[in-house]
Amino acid sequence: MDVTQAPSTIAAATQVQTNSTASARTAISSDFETFLRMLATQLQNQDPLNPIDSADYAVQLATFSSVEQQVKTNELLEGLVAQQSLAGLQGYSSWIGLEARSAAPVHFDGSTPVEIVTDPPAGTDRAVLVVKSAAGTVVSRVEMPTDPGSFAWAGLTEEGRTLPAGTYSLTLETYAEGVAQGGIPVEAFAQVIEARNSGGTIELVLRGDIAVTPAEVAALRDPG
């Protein structure tokens, strides 16, 4: 998906919101007509010797009117929220085609190296890149430099075999004087191919169908 497709997506979402609002208003109008018919029937069939107090009719009408106004208010609020969400989505459409750096899982196509960024804490004297498959199985442990930097991960195991294409999670295990200091996230660059609204939350879809929120993006750059 490219930038030119984003406006059509936003227009379609706007049309859905408009259709939904129109349907709700039609339903309210229909319900009000039904209420009036029921009220007229009630008047026609009331006991002449014990007629219903006119104040009761006023209460019923006022109650229905209050419910109608509440529904319209809710529709207005939903419309405002939808408009704000669409405006935000349109703003992120400019990110499509750029490369985003995040700590999300990486997509390895089976041949092209993935650029990763590691930042071991001070005092680290050993660092190991731990690679897990989408199923959570450790498939590779690779010794890494202890200095912060950017590296090309070629998708290789310790034995030099190339891992199959797929999605992998990367963690850097760090050690100081032989004592494990725990694992820290490894960031990687991936191209943004789509911006979408998922349940009211804006998501950026990276190559490999990996979704992140804008807040999870640490840096952006032009590809190449």
N, C-alpha and C. Protein backbone atom coordinates (compact mmCIF):
# COMPACT_ATOMS: atom_id res chain seq x y z
N MET A 1 0.85 -1.20 0.00
CA MET A 1 0.00 0.00 0.00
C MET A 1 0.87 1.24 0.00
N ASP A 2 0.54 2.25 -0.84
CA ASP A 2 1.34 3.45 -0.87
C ASP A 2 0.54 4.63 -0.35
N VAL A 3 1.17 5.82 -0.37
CA VAL A 3 0.55 7.00 0.21
C VAL A 3 -0.73 7.36 -0.53
N THR A 4 -0.77 7.15 -1.86
CA THR A 4 -1.93 7.56 -2.64
C THR A 4 -3.17 6.77 -2.30
N GLN A 5 -3.04 5.64 -1.63
CA GLN A 5 -4.19 4.83 -1.27
C GLN A 5 -4.82 5.27 0.04
N ALA A 6 -4.08 6.01 0.87
CA ALA A 6 -4.58 6.37 2.19
C ALA A 6 -5.85 7.20 2.14
N PRO A 7 -5.97 8.26 1.27
CA PRO A 7 -7.20 9.04 1.26
C PRO A 7 -8.43 8.23 0.94
N SER A 8 -8.31 7.23 0.02
CA SER A 8 -9.48 6.41 -0.32
C SER A 8 -9.93 5.59 0.86
N THR A 9 -8.97 5.11 1.65
CA THR A 9 -9.31 4.35 2.86
C THR A 9 -10.05 5.23 3.86
N ILE A 10 -9.57 6.47 4.02
CA ILE A 10 -10.20 7.40 4.95
C ILE A 10 -11.59 7.78 4.47
N ALA A 11 -11.76 7.99 3.15
CA ALA A 11 -13.06 8.33 2.60
C ALA A 11 -14.06 7.22 2.82
N ALA A 12 -13.59 5.97 2.66
CA ALA A 12 -14.49 4.82 2.87
C ALA A 12 -14.93 4.75 4.32
N ALA A 13 -14.00 4.99 5.25
CA ALA A 13 -14.35 4.96 6.68
C ALA A 13 -15.34 6.05 7.01
N THR A 14 -15.16 7.24 6.39
CA THR A 14 -16.09 8.35 6.63
C THR A 14 -17.48 8.00 6.14
N GLN A 15 -17.55 7.33 4.97
CA GLN A 15 -18.84 6.95 4.41
C GLN A 15 -19.55 5.96 5.31
N VAL A 16 -18.79 5.01 5.89
CA VAL A 16 -19.38 4.03 6.81
C VAL A 16 -19.97 4.73 8.01
N GLN A 17 -19.23 5.72 8.57
CA GLN A 17 -19.71 6.48 9.73
C GLN A 17 -20.98 7.24 9.37
N THR A 18 -21.03 7.86 8.16
CA THR A 18 -22.20 8.61 7.73
C THR A 18 -23.41 7.71 7.58
N ASN A 19 -23.20 6.53 6.96
CA ASN A 19 -24.30 5.59 6.78
C ASN A 19 -24.85 5.11 8.11
N SER A 20 -23.93 4.87 9.08
CA SER A 20 -24.33 4.40 10.40
C SER A 20 -25.18 5.44 11.12
N THR A 21 -24.78 6.71 11.02
CA THR A 21 -25.52 7.79 11.67
C THR A 21 -26.91 7.95 11.05
N ALA A 22 -26.98 7.86 9.71
CA ALA A 22 -28.25 7.99 9.02
C ALA A 22 -29.20 6.87 9.42
N SER A 23 -28.66 5.65 9.55
CA SER A 23 -29.49 4.52 9.96
C SER A 23 -30.04 4.71 11.36
N ALA A 24 -29.20 5.25 12.26
CA ALA A 24 -29.63 5.47 13.64
C ALA A 24 -30.75 6.51 13.71
N ARG A 25 -30.63 7.57 12.90
CA ARG A 25 -31.66 8.60 12.90
C ARG A 25 -32.98 8.04 12.36
N THR A 26 -32.89 7.20 11.32
CA THR A 26 -34.10 6.57 10.77
C THR A 26 -34.78 5.72 11.83
N ALA A 27 -33.97 5.00 12.61
CA ALA A 27 -34.51 4.14 13.66
C ALA A 27 -35.22 4.96 14.73
N ILE A 28 -34.64 6.10 15.11
CA ILE A 28 -35.26 6.97 16.11
C ILE A 28 -36.61 7.48 15.61
N SER A 29 -36.65 7.94 14.34
CA SER A 29 -37.89 8.43 13.75
C SER A 29 -38.96 7.35 13.74
N SER A 30 -38.56 6.13 13.37
CA SER A 30 -39.50 5.01 13.33
C SER A 30 -40.02 4.69 14.72
N ASP A 31 -39.14 4.70 15.71
CA ASP A 31 -39.55 4.41 17.08
C ASP A 31 -40.52 5.47 17.61
N PHE A 32 -40.28 6.75 17.25
CA PHE A 32 -41.16 7.81 17.71
C PHE A 32 -42.56 7.66 17.11
N GLU A 33 -42.62 7.29 15.82
CA GLU A 33 -43.92 7.07 15.18
C GLU A 33 -44.65 5.90 15.84
N THR A 34 -43.91 4.86 16.18
CA THR A 34 -44.51 3.71 16.87
C THR A 34 -45.05 4.13 18.23
N PHE A 35 -44.28 4.98 18.93
CA PHE A 35 -44.70 5.46 20.24
C PHE A 35 -46.01 6.26 20.14
N LEU A 36 -46.11 7.10 19.11
CA LEU A 36 -47.32 7.89 18.94
C LEU A 36 -48.53 7.00 18.62
N ARG A 37 -48.33 5.97 17.79
CA ARG A 37 -49.43 5.05 17.48
C ARG A 37 -49.90 4.32 18.73
N MET A 38 -48.93 3.89 19.56
CA MET A 38 -49.29 3.19 20.79
C MET A 38 -50.04 4.13 21.74
N LEU A 39 -49.60 5.39 21.77
CA LEU A 39 -50.26 6.36 22.64
C LEU A 39 -51.69 6.61 22.18
N ALA A 40 -51.88 6.71 20.84
CA ALA A 40 -53.24 6.91 20.31
C ALA A 40 -54.14 5.72 20.60
N THR A 41 -53.57 4.51 20.46
CA THR A 41 -54.34 3.30 20.77
C THR A 41 -54.73 3.26 22.23
N GLN A 42 -53.81 3.68 23.08
CA GLN A 42 -54.08 3.71 24.52
C GLN A 42 -55.22 4.67 24.85
N LEU A 43 -55.24 5.83 24.16
CA LEU A 43 -56.31 6.80 24.37
C LEU A 43 -57.67 6.25 23.91
N GLN A 44 -57.65 5.54 22.78
CA GLN A 44 -58.90 5.01 22.23
C GLN A 44 -59.49 3.90 23.09
N ASN A 45 -58.66 3.19 23.78
CA ASN A 45 -59.12 2.01 24.52
C ASN A 45 -59.13 2.21 26.04
N GLN A 46 -58.95 3.42 26.48
CA GLN A 46 -58.97 3.65 27.93
C GLN A 46 -60.40 3.55 28.47
N ASP A 47 -60.49 3.30 29.73
CA ASP A 47 -61.79 3.18 30.40
C ASP A 47 -62.39 4.58 30.56
N PRO A 48 -63.55 4.85 29.94
CA PRO A 48 -64.14 6.20 30.05
C PRO A 48 -64.45 6.60 31.49
N LEU A 49 -64.74 5.58 32.33
CA LEU A 49 -65.07 5.88 33.73
C LEU A 49 -63.81 6.09 34.58
N ASN A 50 -62.68 5.65 34.04
CA ASN A 50 -61.43 5.80 34.79
C ASN A 50 -60.30 6.17 33.81
N PRO A 51 -60.42 7.34 33.19
CA PRO A 51 -59.42 7.73 32.18
C PRO A 51 -58.03 7.91 32.78
N ILE A 52 -57.06 7.70 31.91
CA ILE A 52 -55.66 7.86 32.33
C ILE A 52 -55.38 9.34 32.55
N ASP A 53 -54.69 9.64 33.64
CA ASP A 53 -54.35 11.02 33.97
C ASP A 53 -53.49 11.61 32.85
N SER A 54 -53.82 12.81 32.42
CA SER A 54 -53.05 13.46 31.35
C SER A 54 -51.59 13.66 31.74
N ALA A 55 -51.34 13.76 33.05
CA ALA A 55 -49.95 13.93 33.51
C ALA A 55 -49.12 12.71 33.16
N ASP A 56 -49.76 11.53 33.14
CA ASP A 56 -49.03 10.30 32.79
C ASP A 56 -48.56 10.35 31.34
N TYR A 57 -49.42 10.90 30.44
CA TYR A 57 -49.02 11.03 29.05
C TYR A 57 -47.83 11.97 28.91
N ALA A 58 -47.89 13.04 29.68
CA ALA A 58 -46.79 14.02 29.62
C ALA A 58 -45.48 13.39 30.07
N VAL A 59 -45.56 12.55 31.12
CA VAL A 59 -44.35 11.88 31.62
C VAL A 59 -43.79 10.93 30.57
N GLN A 60 -44.69 10.16 29.92
CA GLN A 60 -44.24 9.21 28.89
C GLN A 60 -43.57 9.95 27.74
N LEU A 61 -44.18 11.04 27.28
CA LEU A 61 -43.62 11.81 26.17
C LEU A 61 -42.27 12.42 26.54
N ALA A 62 -42.21 12.95 27.77
CA ALA A 62 -40.95 13.55 28.22
C ALA A 62 -39.84 12.51 28.32
N THR A 63 -40.21 11.31 28.79
CA THR A 63 -39.21 10.23 28.91
C THR A 63 -38.68 9.83 27.55
N PHE A 64 -39.59 9.67 26.58
CA PHE A 64 -39.14 9.30 25.23
C PHE A 64 -38.26 10.39 24.64
N SER A 65 -38.67 11.65 24.82
CA SER A 65 -37.89 12.77 24.29
C SER A 65 -36.49 12.79 24.89
N SER A 66 -36.39 12.50 26.20
CA SER A 66 -35.09 12.48 26.86
C SER A 66 -34.19 11.40 26.29
N VAL A 67 -34.78 10.22 26.07
CA VAL A 67 -34.00 9.10 25.50
C VAL A 67 -33.54 9.46 24.09
N GLU A 68 -34.44 10.09 23.31
CA GLU A 68 -34.10 10.48 21.94
C GLU A 68 -32.93 11.45 21.93
N GLN A 69 -32.95 12.44 22.81
CA GLN A 69 -31.88 13.42 22.88
C GLN A 69 -30.56 12.79 23.31
N GLN A 70 -30.63 11.80 24.22
CA GLN A 70 -29.42 11.12 24.67
C GLN A 70 -28.79 10.33 23.54
N VAL A 71 -29.65 9.68 22.75
CA VAL A 71 -29.14 8.91 21.60
C VAL A 71 -28.46 9.84 20.60
N LYS A 72 -29.09 10.98 20.33
CA LYS A 72 -28.50 11.93 19.39
C LYS A 72 -27.17 12.48 19.92
N THR A 73 -27.11 12.72 21.24
CA THR A 73 -25.86 13.20 21.83
C THR A 73 -24.75 12.16 21.69
N ASN A 74 -25.10 10.90 21.93
CA ASN A 74 -24.12 9.82 21.78
C ASN A 74 -23.63 9.73 20.34
N GLU A 75 -24.54 9.89 19.39
CA GLU A 75 -24.16 9.85 17.97
C GLU A 75 -23.19 10.98 17.65
N LEU A 76 -23.49 12.18 18.19
CA LEU A 76 -22.61 13.33 17.95
C LEU A 76 -21.22 13.07 18.50
N LEU A 77 -21.14 12.53 19.71
CA LEU A 77 -19.83 12.25 20.31
C LEU A 77 -19.08 11.20 19.51
N GLU A 78 -19.79 10.16 19.07
CA GLU A 78 -19.15 9.11 18.26
C GLU A 78 -18.62 9.69 16.95
N GLY A 79 -19.38 10.61 16.37
CA GLY A 79 -18.94 11.23 15.13
C GLY A 79 -17.69 12.07 15.33
N LEU A 80 -17.63 12.82 16.44
CA LEU A 80 -16.45 13.63 16.73
C LEU A 80 -15.22 12.76 16.94
N VAL A 81 -15.40 11.66 17.68
CA VAL A 81 -14.28 10.74 17.92
C VAL A 81 -13.79 10.15 16.62
N ALA A 82 -14.74 9.76 15.75
CA ALA A 82 -14.36 9.17 14.46
C ALA A 82 -13.60 10.17 13.60
N GLN A 83 -14.05 11.42 13.60
CA GLN A 83 -13.37 12.44 12.81
C GLN A 83 -11.95 12.68 13.31
N GLN A 84 -11.78 12.72 14.63
CA GLN A 84 -10.44 12.92 15.19
C GLN A 84 -9.53 11.75 14.83
N SER A 85 -10.09 10.54 14.89
CA SER A 85 -9.30 9.36 14.58
C SER A 85 -8.87 9.37 13.12
N LEU A 86 -9.80 9.74 12.22
CA LEU A 86 -9.49 9.78 10.80
C LEU A 86 -8.46 10.87 10.50
N ALA A 87 -8.56 11.99 11.20
CA ALA A 87 -7.59 13.07 11.00
C ALA A 87 -6.20 12.60 11.41
N GLY A 88 -6.13 11.88 12.55
CA GLY A 88 -4.84 11.36 12.99
C GLY A 88 -4.29 10.34 12.02
N LEU A 89 -5.16 9.49 11.48
CA LEU A 89 -4.74 8.48 10.52
C LEU A 89 -4.17 9.12 9.27
N GLN A 90 -4.82 10.17 8.80
CA GLN A 90 -4.34 10.86 7.62
C GLN A 90 -2.96 11.47 7.86
N GLY A 91 -2.72 11.94 9.10
CA GLY A 91 -1.42 12.51 9.42
C GLY A 91 -0.30 11.48 9.33
N TYR A 92 -0.60 10.24 9.72
CA TYR A 92 0.43 9.20 9.70
C TYR A 92 0.61 8.58 8.31
N SER A 93 -0.23 8.96 7.35
CA SER A 93 -0.07 8.41 6.00
C SER A 93 1.26 8.84 5.39
N SER A 94 1.83 9.96 5.86
CA SER A 94 3.13 10.41 5.35
C SER A 94 4.27 9.50 5.79
N TRP A 95 4.01 8.62 6.77
CA TRP A 95 5.04 7.69 7.22
C TRP A 95 5.17 6.48 6.29
N ILE A 96 4.15 6.26 5.47
CA ILE A 96 4.17 5.09 4.59
C ILE A 96 5.32 5.21 3.60
N GLY A 97 6.08 4.13 3.49
CA GLY A 97 7.25 4.11 2.61
C GLY A 97 8.55 4.39 3.35
N LEU A 98 8.46 4.97 4.55
CA LEU A 98 9.67 5.21 5.35
C LEU A 98 10.03 3.95 6.14
N GLU A 99 11.24 3.93 6.67
CA GLU A 99 11.68 2.84 7.52
C GLU A 99 11.58 3.28 8.98
N ALA A 100 10.89 2.47 9.78
CA ALA A 100 10.70 2.78 11.20
C ALA A 100 11.57 1.86 12.05
N ARG A 101 12.15 2.43 13.09
CA ARG A 101 12.95 1.63 14.03
C ARG A 101 12.15 1.37 15.29
N SER A 102 12.00 0.11 15.63
CA SER A 102 11.22 -0.26 16.81
C SER A 102 11.74 -1.57 17.37
N ALA A 103 11.25 -1.91 18.56
CA ALA A 103 11.66 -3.17 19.20
C ALA A 103 10.67 -4.29 18.89
N ALA A 104 9.91 -4.13 17.83
CA ALA A 104 8.94 -5.15 17.43
C ALA A 104 9.67 -6.36 16.84
N PRO A 105 9.00 -7.51 16.73
CA PRO A 105 9.60 -8.66 16.04
C PRO A 105 10.01 -8.25 14.62
N VAL A 106 10.95 -8.98 14.04
CA VAL A 106 11.44 -8.66 12.70
C VAL A 106 10.98 -9.71 11.71
N HIS A 107 10.84 -9.29 10.46
CA HIS A 107 10.51 -10.22 9.38
C HIS A 107 11.77 -10.49 8.58
N PHE A 108 12.16 -11.77 8.49
CA PHE A 108 13.32 -12.18 7.71
C PHE A 108 12.81 -12.93 6.48
N ASP A 109 13.19 -12.45 5.28
CA ASP A 109 12.66 -13.05 4.06
C ASP A 109 13.44 -14.27 3.58
N GLY A 110 14.43 -14.68 4.36
CA GLY A 110 15.20 -15.87 4.00
C GLY A 110 16.53 -15.57 3.34
N SER A 111 16.77 -14.29 3.01
CA SER A 111 18.03 -13.95 2.33
C SER A 111 18.54 -12.55 2.67
N THR A 112 17.65 -11.57 2.78
CA THR A 112 18.08 -10.19 2.97
C THR A 112 18.37 -9.90 4.44
N PRO A 113 19.58 -9.43 4.77
CA PRO A 113 19.90 -9.11 6.17
C PRO A 113 18.98 -8.01 6.72
N VAL A 114 18.76 -8.06 8.02
CA VAL A 114 17.93 -7.07 8.71
C VAL A 114 18.83 -6.19 9.56
N GLU A 115 18.70 -4.88 9.43
CA GLU A 115 19.52 -3.98 10.24
C GLU A 115 18.95 -3.88 11.64
N ILE A 116 19.78 -4.20 12.64
CA ILE A 116 19.35 -4.14 14.03
C ILE A 116 20.23 -3.15 14.79
N VAL A 117 19.70 -2.68 15.91
CA VAL A 117 20.43 -1.72 16.75
C VAL A 117 20.46 -2.26 18.18
N THR A 118 21.68 -2.40 18.73
CA THR A 118 21.83 -2.88 20.11
C THR A 118 22.46 -1.79 20.97
N ASP A 119 22.09 -1.79 22.24
CA ASP A 119 22.61 -0.78 23.16
C ASP A 119 22.85 -1.41 24.53
N PRO A 120 23.92 -2.21 24.66
CA PRO A 120 24.21 -2.86 25.95
C PRO A 120 24.51 -1.82 27.02
N PRO A 121 24.13 -2.09 28.27
CA PRO A 121 24.43 -1.14 29.35
C PRO A 121 25.93 -1.07 29.62
N ALA A 122 26.35 0.00 30.27
CA ALA A 122 27.76 0.17 30.62
C ALA A 122 28.20 -0.99 31.53
N GLY A 123 29.42 -1.44 31.33
CA GLY A 123 29.96 -2.54 32.14
C GLY A 123 29.74 -3.91 31.53
N THR A 124 29.04 -3.99 30.40
CA THR A 124 28.81 -5.28 29.74
C THR A 124 30.10 -5.79 29.14
N ASP A 125 30.46 -7.05 29.48
CA ASP A 125 31.66 -7.63 28.90
C ASP A 125 31.35 -8.82 27.99
N ARG A 126 30.05 -9.12 27.86
CA ARG A 126 29.62 -10.17 26.92
C ARG A 126 28.17 -9.90 26.54
N ALA A 127 27.87 -10.07 25.26
CA ALA A 127 26.50 -9.86 24.77
C ALA A 127 26.15 -10.98 23.79
N VAL A 128 24.95 -11.52 23.95
CA VAL A 128 24.51 -12.62 23.10
C VAL A 128 23.15 -12.28 22.51
N LEU A 129 23.05 -12.36 21.19
CA LEU A 129 21.79 -12.13 20.51
C LEU A 129 20.99 -13.43 20.53
N VAL A 130 19.83 -13.39 21.19
CA VAL A 130 18.97 -14.57 21.28
C VAL A 130 17.82 -14.40 20.29
N VAL A 131 17.68 -15.37 19.41
CA VAL A 131 16.66 -15.31 18.36
C VAL A 131 15.61 -16.38 18.63
N LYS A 132 14.35 -15.95 18.66
CA LYS A 132 13.25 -16.89 18.87
C LYS A 132 12.31 -16.88 17.67
N SER A 133 11.77 -18.05 17.36
CA SER A 133 10.81 -18.15 16.27
C SER A 133 9.47 -17.58 16.72
N ALA A 134 8.51 -17.54 15.78
CA ALA A 134 7.18 -17.02 16.11
C ALA A 134 6.51 -17.88 17.17
N ALA A 135 6.93 -19.16 17.28
CA ALA A 135 6.36 -20.07 18.27
C ALA A 135 7.02 -19.91 19.64
N GLY A 136 8.06 -19.06 19.73
CA GLY A 136 8.74 -18.83 21.00
C GLY A 136 9.92 -19.74 21.26
N THR A 137 10.32 -20.53 20.26
CA THR A 137 11.45 -21.44 20.40
C THR A 137 12.76 -20.74 20.07
N VAL A 138 13.78 -20.92 20.90
CA VAL A 138 15.10 -20.34 20.62
C VAL A 138 15.72 -21.08 19.45
N VAL A 139 16.00 -20.35 18.38
CA VAL A 139 16.56 -20.98 17.17
C VAL A 139 18.00 -20.56 16.92
N SER A 140 18.48 -19.56 17.66
CA SER A 140 19.85 -19.12 17.44
C SER A 140 20.33 -18.28 18.62
N ARG A 141 21.63 -18.44 18.95
CA ARG A 141 22.31 -17.61 19.95
C ARG A 141 23.63 -17.19 19.32
N VAL A 142 23.79 -15.88 19.13
CA VAL A 142 24.97 -15.37 18.42
C VAL A 142 25.69 -14.35 19.29
N GLU A 143 27.01 -14.51 19.42
CA GLU A 143 27.82 -13.55 20.16
C GLU A 143 27.83 -12.21 19.43
N MET A 144 27.67 -11.12 20.20
CA MET A 144 27.61 -9.78 19.63
C MET A 144 28.64 -8.87 20.28
N PRO A 145 29.01 -7.78 19.60
CA PRO A 145 29.91 -6.80 20.22
C PRO A 145 29.25 -6.21 21.47
N THR A 146 30.08 -5.78 22.41
CA THR A 146 29.55 -5.22 23.66
C THR A 146 29.37 -3.70 23.58
N ASP A 147 29.76 -3.12 22.47
CA ASP A 147 29.56 -1.69 22.29
C ASP A 147 28.25 -1.43 21.54
N PRO A 148 27.56 -0.34 21.86
CA PRO A 148 26.34 0.00 21.13
C PRO A 148 26.64 0.21 19.64
N GLY A 149 25.68 -0.14 18.81
CA GLY A 149 25.90 0.05 17.38
C GLY A 149 24.81 -0.56 16.53
N SER A 150 24.97 -0.37 15.23
CA SER A 150 24.04 -0.90 14.24
C SER A 150 24.71 -2.06 13.52
N PHE A 151 23.97 -3.17 13.37
CA PHE A 151 24.55 -4.37 12.76
C PHE A 151 23.56 -5.00 11.78
N ALA A 152 24.11 -5.76 10.84
CA ALA A 152 23.28 -6.47 9.87
C ALA A 152 23.10 -7.91 10.36
N TRP A 153 21.88 -8.26 10.74
CA TRP A 153 21.59 -9.63 11.16
C TRP A 153 21.22 -10.43 9.92
N ALA A 154 22.03 -11.42 9.58
CA ALA A 154 21.87 -12.17 8.34
C ALA A 154 20.94 -13.37 8.47
N GLY A 155 20.32 -13.54 9.64
CA GLY A 155 19.41 -14.66 9.80
C GLY A 155 20.10 -16.00 9.87
N LEU A 156 21.29 -16.03 10.49
CA LEU A 156 22.07 -17.27 10.57
C LEU A 156 22.03 -17.86 11.98
N THR A 157 22.16 -19.17 12.05
CA THR A 157 22.30 -19.86 13.33
C THR A 157 23.77 -19.87 13.73
N GLU A 158 24.06 -20.42 14.93
CA GLU A 158 25.46 -20.51 15.36
C GLU A 158 26.30 -21.33 14.39
N GLU A 159 25.66 -22.30 13.73
CA GLU A 159 26.39 -23.17 12.81
C GLU A 159 26.52 -22.56 11.42
N GLY A 160 25.93 -21.38 11.22
CA GLY A 160 26.04 -20.73 9.92
C GLY A 160 24.92 -21.08 8.96
N ARG A 161 23.90 -21.81 9.43
CA ARG A 161 22.77 -22.14 8.57
C ARG A 161 21.81 -20.96 8.50
N THR A 162 21.21 -20.78 7.33
CA THR A 162 20.24 -19.69 7.16
C THR A 162 18.87 -20.13 7.67
N LEU A 163 18.29 -19.30 8.50
CA LEU A 163 16.96 -19.60 9.03
C LEU A 163 15.91 -19.44 7.94
N PRO A 164 14.82 -20.18 8.02
CA PRO A 164 13.76 -20.03 7.01
C PRO A 164 13.08 -18.66 7.14
N ALA A 165 12.44 -18.23 6.08
CA ALA A 165 11.71 -16.96 6.10
C ALA A 165 10.63 -17.01 7.17
N GLY A 166 10.45 -15.89 7.86
CA GLY A 166 9.44 -15.85 8.90
C GLY A 166 9.64 -14.67 9.83
N THR A 167 8.88 -14.65 10.92
CA THR A 167 8.96 -13.59 11.92
C THR A 167 9.73 -14.08 13.14
N TYR A 168 10.66 -13.26 13.60
CA TYR A 168 11.52 -13.64 14.72
C TYR A 168 11.59 -12.52 15.77
N SER A 169 11.71 -12.93 17.03
CA SER A 169 11.89 -11.99 18.12
C SER A 169 13.35 -11.97 18.52
N LEU A 170 13.91 -10.79 18.72
CA LEU A 170 15.33 -10.64 19.04
C LEU A 170 15.50 -10.00 20.41
N THR A 171 16.36 -10.61 21.22
CA THR A 171 16.68 -10.09 22.55
C THR A 171 18.19 -10.15 22.76
N LEU A 172 18.73 -9.16 23.44
CA LEU A 172 20.16 -9.16 23.72
C LEU A 172 20.38 -9.53 25.18
N GLU A 173 21.02 -10.68 25.42
CA GLU A 173 21.39 -11.07 26.77
C GLU A 173 22.74 -10.44 27.09
N THR A 174 22.84 -9.80 28.24
CA THR A 174 24.10 -9.14 28.60
C THR A 174 24.67 -9.74 29.88
N TYR A 175 26.00 -9.71 29.96
CA TYR A 175 26.72 -10.28 31.12
C TYR A 175 27.79 -9.29 31.56
N ALA A 176 28.03 -9.26 32.87
CA ALA A 176 29.10 -8.44 33.44
C ALA A 176 29.87 -9.31 34.43
N GLU A 177 31.14 -9.55 34.14
CA GLU A 177 31.99 -10.41 34.96
C GLU A 177 31.36 -11.79 35.14
N GLY A 178 30.79 -12.29 34.08
CA GLY A 178 30.22 -13.63 34.09
C GLY A 178 28.83 -13.74 34.67
N VAL A 179 28.30 -12.65 35.17
CA VAL A 179 26.96 -12.66 35.77
C VAL A 179 25.93 -12.12 34.77
N ALA A 180 24.86 -12.88 34.55
CA ALA A 180 23.82 -12.45 33.61
C ALA A 180 23.10 -11.21 34.14
N GLN A 181 22.96 -10.22 33.28
CA GLN A 181 22.29 -8.98 33.65
C GLN A 181 20.85 -8.91 33.12
N GLY A 182 20.43 -9.96 32.43
CA GLY A 182 19.07 -9.98 31.88
C GLY A 182 19.06 -9.65 30.40
N GLY A 183 17.86 -9.69 29.83
CA GLY A 183 17.72 -9.41 28.41
C GLY A 183 17.16 -8.02 28.16
N ILE A 184 17.61 -7.39 27.08
CA ILE A 184 17.09 -6.07 26.70
C ILE A 184 16.59 -6.15 25.27
N PRO A 185 15.59 -5.34 24.92
CA PRO A 185 15.04 -5.38 23.57
C PRO A 185 16.07 -4.99 22.51
N VAL A 186 15.92 -5.55 21.35
CA VAL A 186 16.75 -5.21 20.20
C VAL A 186 15.86 -4.50 19.18
N GLU A 187 16.25 -3.31 18.77
CA GLU A 187 15.47 -2.58 17.79
C GLU A 187 15.93 -2.92 16.39
N ALA A 188 15.01 -2.80 15.44
CA ALA A 188 15.32 -3.10 14.05
C ALA A 188 14.57 -2.15 13.14
N PHE A 189 15.09 -1.95 11.93
CA PHE A 189 14.43 -1.10 10.94
C PHE A 189 13.55 -1.95 10.02
N ALA A 190 12.35 -1.45 9.73
CA ALA A 190 11.45 -2.11 8.80
C ALA A 190 10.60 -1.05 8.11
N GLN A 191 10.27 -1.29 6.88
CA GLN A 191 9.50 -0.31 6.11
C GLN A 191 8.03 -0.30 6.53
N VAL A 192 7.47 0.91 6.65
CA VAL A 192 6.04 1.08 6.95
C VAL A 192 5.27 0.92 5.64
N ILE A 193 4.30 0.01 5.61
CA ILE A 193 3.54 -0.23 4.39
C ILE A 193 2.07 0.19 4.51
N GLU A 194 1.63 0.48 5.74
CA GLU A 194 0.22 0.85 5.92
C GLU A 194 0.01 1.55 7.25
N ALA A 195 -0.93 2.50 7.28
CA ALA A 195 -1.39 3.11 8.53
C ALA A 195 -2.87 2.79 8.63
N ARG A 196 -3.31 2.26 9.79
CA ARG A 196 -4.70 1.85 9.89
C ARG A 196 -5.26 2.15 11.28
N ASN A 197 -6.59 2.17 11.34
CA ASN A 197 -7.30 2.38 12.60
C ASN A 197 -7.80 1.02 13.06
N SER A 198 -7.29 0.55 14.17
CA SER A 198 -7.67 -0.76 14.70
C SER A 198 -8.39 -0.58 16.03
N GLY A 199 -9.71 -0.61 16.00
CA GLY A 199 -10.49 -0.45 17.22
C GLY A 199 -10.28 0.87 17.92
N GLY A 200 -10.07 1.93 17.14
CA GLY A 200 -9.85 3.25 17.72
C GLY A 200 -8.40 3.57 17.99
N THR A 201 -7.51 2.62 17.77
CA THR A 201 -6.07 2.83 17.98
C THR A 201 -5.36 2.85 16.64
N ILE A 202 -4.55 3.88 16.40
CA ILE A 202 -3.81 3.96 15.15
C ILE A 202 -2.62 3.01 15.21
N GLU A 203 -2.48 2.18 14.18
CA GLU A 203 -1.37 1.24 14.07
C GLU A 203 -0.62 1.46 12.77
N LEU A 204 0.67 1.23 12.82
CA LEU A 204 1.51 1.23 11.63
C LEU A 204 1.87 -0.21 11.32
N VAL A 205 1.62 -0.61 10.09
CA VAL A 205 1.92 -1.99 9.69
C VAL A 205 3.26 -2.00 8.98
N LEU A 206 4.19 -2.78 9.52
CA LEU A 206 5.52 -2.90 8.95
C LEU A 206 5.56 -4.08 7.99
N ARG A 207 6.59 -4.10 7.15
CA ARG A 207 6.73 -5.21 6.22
C ARG A 207 6.78 -6.53 7.00
N GLY A 208 6.01 -7.51 6.50
CA GLY A 208 5.88 -8.76 7.22
C GLY A 208 4.61 -8.80 8.04
N ASP A 209 3.75 -7.78 7.87
CA ASP A 209 2.47 -7.69 8.57
C ASP A 209 2.67 -7.61 10.09
N ILE A 210 3.66 -6.82 10.50
CA ILE A 210 3.94 -6.60 11.92
C ILE A 210 3.41 -5.22 12.29
N ALA A 211 2.53 -5.16 13.28
CA ALA A 211 1.88 -3.90 13.65
C ALA A 211 2.51 -3.30 14.89
N VAL A 212 2.73 -1.99 14.86
CA VAL A 212 3.23 -1.25 16.02
C VAL A 212 2.43 0.04 16.13
N THR A 213 2.42 0.64 17.31
CA THR A 213 1.80 1.95 17.48
C THR A 213 2.85 3.02 17.21
N PRO A 214 2.43 4.23 16.85
CA PRO A 214 3.40 5.31 16.63
C PRO A 214 4.31 5.55 17.83
N ALA A 215 3.79 5.33 19.05
CA ALA A 215 4.60 5.55 20.25
C ALA A 215 5.75 4.56 20.36
N GLU A 216 5.65 3.42 19.68
CA GLU A 216 6.69 2.40 19.74
C GLU A 216 7.80 2.65 18.74
N VAL A 217 7.64 3.64 17.88
CA VAL A 217 8.64 3.96 16.87
C VAL A 217 9.69 4.91 17.46
N ALA A 218 10.95 4.47 17.45
CA ALA A 218 12.02 5.27 18.04
C ALA A 218 12.66 6.21 17.03
N ALA A 219 12.57 5.87 15.73
CA ALA A 219 13.19 6.71 14.70
C ALA A 219 12.57 6.39 13.34
N LEU A 220 12.67 7.36 12.44
CA LEU A 220 12.21 7.20 11.06
C LEU A 220 13.32 7.64 10.12
N ARG A 221 13.39 6.98 8.95
CA ARG A 221 14.38 7.39 7.96
C ARG A 221 13.89 7.00 6.57
N ASP A 222 14.47 7.64 5.57
CA ASP A 222 14.18 7.27 4.19
C ASP A 222 14.82 5.92 3.88
N PRO A 223 14.17 5.07 3.10
CA PRO A 223 14.75 3.76 2.79
C PRO A 223 16.02 3.92 1.96
N GLY A 224 16.92 2.97 2.11
CA GLY A 224 18.16 3.00 1.34
C GLY A 224 19.22 3.83 2.02
